Amino acid sequence: MISTRAIPLGSDSSPEAVVELLFKLKVKDVMSTDVAAAKPGDTMRSIQKLMKTRGFTGVPVLDGDVLAGIVSMDDIIQAFDTGSIDDRVEDHMTKNTIVLQESMPLSFCVSYFNKYGFGRFPVINSEHRLTGIVTQSDVISALLVAMNREFELLEKETQRLAAEKTEPPPRLESGIKTLEFKTEPFNFETAGKASTEIKKQLKAMNVPPELTRRIGIASYELEINQVVHSRGGIMRYYIHPGRLVIEAEDRGPGIPDIAQALTEGFSTASERIRALGFGAGMGLPNTKRVSDDFKIYSSPGAGTIVHATFFLNYDEKGGPR
């Protein structure tokens, strides 16, 4: 089976059309809605028969409308090996499940597969009800179809422009420019949009790929922090001659101990946030690591403002002039 690691997410050499699709398509566009769920009181043997009949390699377990866990093929094999195949599902299922929200961009899906190495993820809606399940093959198949469609449209547009002899849009001139994007709590429909747009601007300015990559990392970390840890906020980008400043201002609860928040692995994420695959405690440390200058201002109840600065004038060795 083709792995999602073959998808060049976040690479400097990523085709722009592929990156666009990863944010344009949603998890709900690729997931399978034909989901057969088990109950905690079912036996592992009954799940094994269900998998064999339906060709599934994993089955979610529902306690009423709530996702209680998931049973994989590995769980079934282990149950056979230990002679516990007739035990109840709740005694062998994986309970700490990582889920995807159906409104998340496909880029989240690819990142989750590459990060966790699981074969499938349950998908929930905004009301936390199970609506589907997504596998790596679902992602690859849907992305290939969408890419073919996009490339056909791109080819037609290229032919049209050639026939009309239309000049391409001018490159962005150097100078002061401000971009601003709003974020909303747990709104994954627009999560990542700001980071995608700033990378487009940097590409138009011929900013070196490695510098663009660092700015993209900082932007994405700060943007996602606002989405999952605050009540929303604003991402601002100030492009000056020679430098770019990212200002991330949120309406969150604030940070009681900034030094602790900048420690790798420290996190105050709730169970809900952790279930969505976030809360590793690397967002702010990663941002500080890739920035040329980093400042953070925060206090409990007053929100947080982060300034991440990047020098755009580089010498031949990659250092700031």
Protein backbone atom coordinates (compact mmCIF):
# COMPACT_ATOMS: atom_id res chain seq x y z
CA MET A 1 0.00 0.00 0.00
CA ILE A 2 1.24 3.53 -0.81
CA SER A 3 2.10 5.40 2.39
CA THR A 4 1.01 8.97 3.08
CA ARG A 5 4.71 9.68 3.64
CA ALA A 6 4.91 9.84 -0.15
CA ILE A 7 2.82 13.02 0.00
CA PRO A 8 5.26 15.98 0.16
CA LEU A 9 3.51 17.89 2.95
CA GLY A 10 5.55 20.85 4.15
CA SER A 11 8.44 20.23 1.77
CA ASP A 12 10.10 23.15 0.01
CA SER A 13 9.76 21.21 -3.24
CA SER A 14 6.07 20.44 -2.77
CA PRO A 15 4.07 21.16 -5.94
CA GLU A 16 1.85 24.15 -5.19
CA ALA A 17 -1.22 22.37 -6.58
CA VAL A 18 -0.73 19.50 -4.12
CA VAL A 19 -0.36 21.85 -1.16
CA GLU A 20 -3.51 23.71 -2.21
CA LEU A 21 -5.47 20.45 -2.34
CA LEU A 22 -4.26 19.39 1.10
CA PHE A 23 -5.90 22.49 2.55
CA LYS A 24 -8.86 22.65 0.17
CA LEU A 25 -10.07 19.09 0.70
CA LYS A 26 -11.57 18.18 4.07
CA VAL A 27 -11.43 14.92 6.00
CA LYS A 28 -15.15 14.44 5.29
CA ASP A 29 -14.34 14.45 1.56
CA VAL A 30 -12.16 11.34 1.82
CA MET A 31 -13.48 9.37 4.79
CA SER A 32 -15.63 6.26 4.53
CA THR A 33 -19.10 6.61 6.01
CA ASP A 34 -19.77 2.87 5.79
CA VAL A 35 -18.78 2.30 9.39
CA ALA A 36 -19.63 -0.87 11.28
CA ALA A 37 -19.23 -0.21 15.00
CA ALA A 38 -18.96 -2.61 17.93
CA LYS A 39 -20.25 -2.34 21.48
CA PRO A 40 -18.10 -2.69 24.61
CA GLY A 41 -19.94 -5.89 25.53
CA ASP A 42 -19.32 -7.64 22.20
CA THR A 43 -16.72 -10.40 22.08
CA MET A 44 -13.41 -10.15 20.28
CA ARG A 45 -14.44 -13.20 18.23
CA SER A 46 -17.51 -11.39 16.91
CA ILE A 47 -15.30 -8.48 15.87
CA GLN A 48 -12.90 -10.88 14.14
CA LYS A 49 -15.80 -12.30 12.13
CA LEU A 50 -17.02 -8.80 11.28
CA MET A 51 -13.57 -7.83 10.03
CA LYS A 52 -13.33 -10.99 7.94
CA THR A 53 -16.79 -10.51 6.43
CA ARG A 54 -16.47 -6.79 5.67
CA GLY A 55 -12.75 -6.69 4.91
CA PHE A 56 -12.07 -4.16 7.68
CA THR A 57 -8.78 -3.89 9.53
CA GLY A 58 -10.17 -1.84 12.40
CA VAL A 59 -13.54 -1.34 14.08
CA PRO A 60 -14.57 1.59 16.31
CA VAL A 61 -16.35 0.80 19.59
CA LEU A 62 -19.34 2.93 20.58
CA ASP A 63 -20.88 3.23 24.02
CA GLY A 64 -24.20 4.73 22.98
CA ASP A 65 -23.22 7.71 20.78
CA VAL A 66 -19.81 8.09 22.42
CA LEU A 67 -16.62 6.71 20.89
CA ALA A 68 -15.22 4.42 23.59
CA GLY A 69 -12.27 2.95 21.70
CA ILE A 70 -11.11 1.07 18.62
CA VAL A 71 -10.15 -2.54 17.89
CA SER A 72 -7.43 -3.20 15.33
CA MET A 73 -6.29 -6.36 13.57
CA ASP A 74 -3.30 -6.41 15.92
CA ASP A 75 -5.69 -6.57 18.88
CA ILE A 76 -7.45 -9.55 17.32
CA ILE A 77 -4.17 -11.39 16.67
CA GLN A 78 -3.04 -10.76 20.23
CA ALA A 79 -6.37 -12.06 21.54
CA PHE A 80 -5.87 -15.28 19.58
CA ASP A 81 -2.30 -15.62 20.84
CA THR A 82 -3.33 -15.16 24.48
CA GLY A 83 -6.46 -17.30 24.28
CA SER A 84 -8.72 -14.35 25.06
CA ILE A 85 -10.60 -14.22 21.78
CA ASP A 86 -13.92 -14.76 23.61
CA ASP A 87 -13.29 -11.88 26.04
CA ARG A 88 -15.31 -8.70 25.94
CA VAL A 89 -14.17 -6.00 23.55
CA GLU A 90 -13.86 -3.40 26.30
CA ASP A 91 -11.07 -5.45 27.90
CA HIS A 92 -8.83 -5.31 24.82
CA MET A 93 -9.77 -2.22 22.79
CA THR A 94 -7.52 0.82 22.58
CA LYS A 95 -9.27 3.40 24.73
CA ASN A 96 -7.07 6.48 24.28
CA THR A 97 -8.01 7.08 20.67
CA ILE A 98 -6.79 9.95 18.52
CA VAL A 99 -9.60 11.28 16.35
CA LEU A 100 -9.99 13.61 13.40
CA GLN A 101 -12.75 16.17 13.00
CA GLU A 102 -14.56 15.92 9.69
CA SER A 103 -14.05 19.65 9.03
CA MET A 104 -10.24 19.44 9.30
CA PRO A 105 -8.22 20.05 6.13
CA LEU A 106 -6.73 16.94 4.54
CA SER A 107 -3.30 18.21 5.58
CA PHE A 108 -4.18 17.30 9.18
CA CYS A 109 -5.04 13.78 8.06
CA VAL A 110 -1.70 13.31 6.31
CA SER A 111 0.17 14.71 9.32
CA TYR A 112 -1.64 12.36 11.70
CA PHE A 113 -0.80 9.26 9.67
CA ASN A 114 2.84 10.27 9.44
CA LYS A 115 3.05 11.29 13.10
CA TYR A 116 1.27 8.38 14.79
CA GLY A 117 1.77 5.53 12.32
CA PHE A 118 -1.80 4.24 12.78
CA GLY A 119 -3.67 2.47 9.98
CA ARG A 120 -6.92 4.39 10.49
CA PHE A 121 -8.53 7.18 12.45
CA PRO A 122 -12.14 7.58 13.64
CA VAL A 123 -13.77 10.79 12.40
CA ILE A 124 -16.18 12.85 14.51
CA ASN A 125 -18.38 15.87 13.82
CA SER A 126 -18.70 19.09 15.81
CA GLU A 127 -21.07 17.31 18.20
CA HIS A 128 -18.42 14.62 18.86
CA ARG A 129 -20.48 11.91 17.17
CA LEU A 130 -18.75 9.32 15.01
CA THR A 131 -19.42 10.04 11.34
CA GLY A 132 -16.79 7.98 9.55
CA ILE A 133 -13.39 6.39 9.49
CA VAL A 134 -10.41 7.25 7.31
CA THR A 135 -7.48 5.09 6.16
CA GLN A 136 -4.29 5.91 4.27
CA SER A 137 -5.70 4.36 1.11
CA ASP A 138 -8.76 6.64 1.39
CA VAL A 139 -6.46 9.66 1.44
CA ILE A 140 -4.25 8.50 -1.43
CA SER A 141 -7.21 7.58 -3.67
CA ALA A 142 -9.11 10.82 -3.07
CA LEU A 143 -5.99 12.94 -3.51
CA LEU A 144 -5.03 11.27 -6.80
CA VAL A 145 -8.51 11.87 -8.21
CA ALA A 146 -8.50 15.50 -7.09
CA MET A 147 -4.96 16.05 -8.42
CA ASN A 148 -5.91 14.72 -11.84
CA ARG A 149 -8.89 17.06 -11.90
CA GLU A 150 -6.80 20.06 -10.81
CA PHE A 151 -4.03 19.36 -13.31
CA GLU A 152 -6.58 19.15 -16.13
CA LEU A 153 -7.98 22.54 -15.11
CA LEU A 154 -4.46 23.96 -14.81
CA GLU A 155 -3.55 22.71 -18.28
CA LYS A 156 -6.68 24.30 -19.76
CA GLU A 157 -5.92 27.60 -18.01
CA THR A 158 -2.31 27.53 -19.25
CA GLN A 159 -3.51 26.95 -22.81
CA ARG A 160 -6.02 29.78 -22.49
CA LEU A 161 -3.39 32.22 -21.23
CA ALA A 162 -1.00 31.19 -23.99
CA ALA A 163 -3.69 31.77 -26.62
CA GLU A 164 -4.49 35.20 -25.18
CA LYS A 165 -0.79 35.97 -24.59
CA THR A 166 -1.68 37.18 -21.12
CA GLU A 167 1.26 38.34 -19.04
CA PRO A 168 1.69 36.71 -15.61
CA PRO A 169 0.96 38.88 -12.55
CA PRO A 170 3.91 41.00 -11.43
CA ARG A 171 6.04 39.84 -8.52
CA LEU A 172 5.43 41.51 -5.19
CA GLU A 173 7.68 44.55 -4.79
CA SER A 174 9.77 44.87 -1.67
CA GLY A 175 8.38 47.28 0.90
CA ILE A 176 6.11 47.46 3.90
CA LYS A 177 3.08 45.21 3.56
CA THR A 178 0.61 43.99 6.17
CA LEU A 179 -1.46 40.83 6.03
CA GLU A 180 -4.10 39.95 8.64
CA PHE A 181 -6.12 36.79 9.27
CA LYS A 182 -8.61 35.95 12.00
CA THR A 183 -8.75 32.58 13.75
CA GLU A 184 -11.63 30.97 15.60
CA PRO A 185 -11.58 28.30 18.33
CA PHE A 186 -11.67 24.78 16.87
CA ASN A 187 -12.54 26.09 13.42
CA PHE A 188 -10.50 23.72 11.29
CA GLU A 189 -12.20 24.91 8.09
CA THR A 190 -9.79 27.85 7.95
CA ALA A 191 -6.93 26.50 10.10
CA GLY A 192 -3.68 26.81 8.17
CA LYS A 193 -5.01 29.42 5.74
CA ALA A 194 -2.84 32.24 7.08
CA SER A 195 0.31 30.11 6.90
CA THR A 196 -0.47 29.05 3.34
CA GLU A 197 -1.02 32.64 2.21
CA ILE A 198 2.19 33.99 3.75
CA LYS A 199 4.21 31.24 2.05
CA LYS A 200 2.67 32.32 -1.28
CA GLN A 201 3.75 35.90 -0.62
CA LEU A 202 7.28 34.83 0.27
CA LYS A 203 7.55 32.72 -2.87
CA ALA A 204 6.49 35.73 -4.97
CA MET A 205 9.24 37.74 -3.25
CA ASN A 206 11.86 35.06 -4.11
CA VAL A 207 12.62 34.47 -0.43
CA PRO A 208 14.98 31.45 -0.11
CA PRO A 209 13.14 28.13 0.43
CA GLU A 210 14.87 27.36 3.75
CA LEU A 211 13.86 30.73 5.18
CA THR A 212 10.32 30.30 3.83
CA ARG A 213 10.20 26.91 5.53
CA ARG A 214 11.19 28.39 8.91
CA ILE A 215 8.63 31.17 8.61
CA GLY A 216 6.00 28.62 7.63
CA ILE A 217 6.75 26.49 10.70
CA ALA A 218 6.46 29.45 13.08
CA SER A 219 3.30 30.72 11.42
CA TYR A 220 1.61 27.32 11.48
CA GLU A 221 2.51 26.62 15.12
CA LEU A 222 1.21 30.01 16.27
CA GLU A 223 -1.93 29.75 14.14
CA ILE A 224 -2.83 26.28 15.41
CA ASN A 225 -2.14 27.38 18.99
CA GLN A 226 -4.83 30.02 18.60
CA VAL A 227 -7.28 27.53 17.10
CA VAL A 228 -6.94 24.85 19.78
CA HIS A 229 -5.84 26.73 22.90
CA SER A 230 -7.63 30.10 22.81
CA ARG A 231 -10.93 31.80 22.11
CA GLY A 232 -9.59 32.87 18.75
CA GLY A 233 -7.35 35.71 17.68
CA ILE A 234 -5.54 37.48 14.86
CA MET A 235 -2.45 36.53 12.87
CA ARG A 236 -0.68 39.60 11.48
CA TYR A 237 2.30 39.65 9.12
CA TYR A 238 4.41 42.78 8.74
CA ILE A 239 6.72 42.57 5.74
CA HIS A 240 9.42 45.28 5.90
CA PRO A 241 12.48 45.70 3.71
CA GLY A 242 14.88 43.23 5.27
CA ARG A 243 12.63 41.57 7.81
CA LEU A 244 9.25 39.94 8.44
CA VAL A 245 7.45 40.05 11.77
CA ILE A 246 4.68 37.64 12.70
CA GLU A 247 2.36 38.99 15.40
CA ALA A 248 0.03 36.40 16.89
CA GLU A 249 -2.52 37.96 19.25
CA ASP A 250 -5.14 35.76 20.89
CA ARG A 251 -8.05 36.14 23.26
CA GLY A 252 -7.00 33.10 25.26
CA PRO A 253 -6.72 32.49 28.99
CA GLY A 254 -3.14 33.76 29.05
CA ILE A 255 0.01 31.98 30.20
CA PRO A 256 0.75 31.96 33.94
CA ASP A 257 4.38 30.85 33.55
CA ILE A 258 6.00 31.82 30.24
CA ALA A 259 9.30 30.10 31.00
CA GLN A 260 7.49 26.85 31.67
CA ALA A 261 5.40 27.25 28.50
CA LEU A 262 8.62 27.51 26.49
CA THR A 263 9.86 24.19 27.88
CA GLU A 264 9.63 21.39 25.32
CA GLY A 265 6.96 18.86 26.25
CA PHE A 266 5.13 21.07 28.76
CA SER A 267 1.41 21.34 28.03
CA THR A 268 -1.81 22.22 29.81
CA ALA A 269 -3.95 20.77 27.01
CA SER A 270 -7.30 19.28 27.95
CA GLU A 271 -8.34 15.71 27.14
CA ARG A 272 -10.40 17.04 24.23
CA ILE A 273 -7.37 18.74 22.72
CA ARG A 274 -5.17 15.68 23.25
CA ALA A 275 -7.82 13.45 21.64
CA LEU A 276 -7.55 15.64 18.54
CA GLY A 277 -3.82 14.94 18.38
CA PHE A 278 -2.57 18.25 19.81
CA GLY A 279 -1.05 19.20 23.15
CA ALA A 280 2.50 17.87 22.69
CA GLY A 281 3.92 21.06 24.18
CA MET A 282 6.13 21.87 21.16
CA GLY A 283 4.29 24.81 19.54
CA LEU A 284 5.99 27.74 21.29
CA PRO A 285 9.42 26.03 21.61
CA ASN A 286 9.38 25.22 17.88
CA THR A 287 8.45 28.82 17.04
CA LYS A 288 11.26 30.21 19.20
CA ARG A 289 13.75 27.75 17.73
CA VAL A 290 13.15 28.76 14.09
CA SER A 291 12.83 32.54 14.70
CA ASP A 292 15.68 35.04 14.43
CA ASP A 293 14.10 36.99 17.29
CA PHE A 294 11.29 35.87 19.58
CA LYS A 295 9.24 37.76 22.17
CA ILE A 296 6.13 36.76 24.07
CA TYR A 297 3.82 38.84 26.26
CA SER A 298 1.12 37.18 28.33
CA SER A 299 -0.73 37.26 31.62
CA PRO A 300 -3.64 35.20 33.00
CA GLY A 301 -6.97 36.39 31.63
CA ALA A 302 -5.40 38.95 29.30
CA GLY A 303 -4.49 36.79 26.32
CA THR A 304 -1.12 36.35 24.65
CA ILE A 305 0.87 38.25 22.03
CA VAL A 306 3.83 36.63 20.28
CA HIS A 307 6.30 38.42 18.01
CA ALA A 308 8.46 36.20 15.80
CA THR A 309 10.95 38.09 13.63
CA PHE A 310 12.82 36.81 10.58
CA PHE A 311 15.60 38.59 8.68
CA LEU A 312 14.99 38.60 4.93
CA ASN A 313 18.46 39.84 3.93
CA TYR A 314 20.85 36.87 3.98
CA ASP A 315 24.48 36.53 2.99
CA GLU A 316 25.95 33.61 1.01
CA LYS A 317 26.41 31.54 4.19
CA GLY A 318 22.77 31.92 5.18
CA GLY A 319 23.34 34.39 8.03
CA PRO A 320 21.63 37.80 8.41
CA ARG A 321 23.48 40.72 6.89
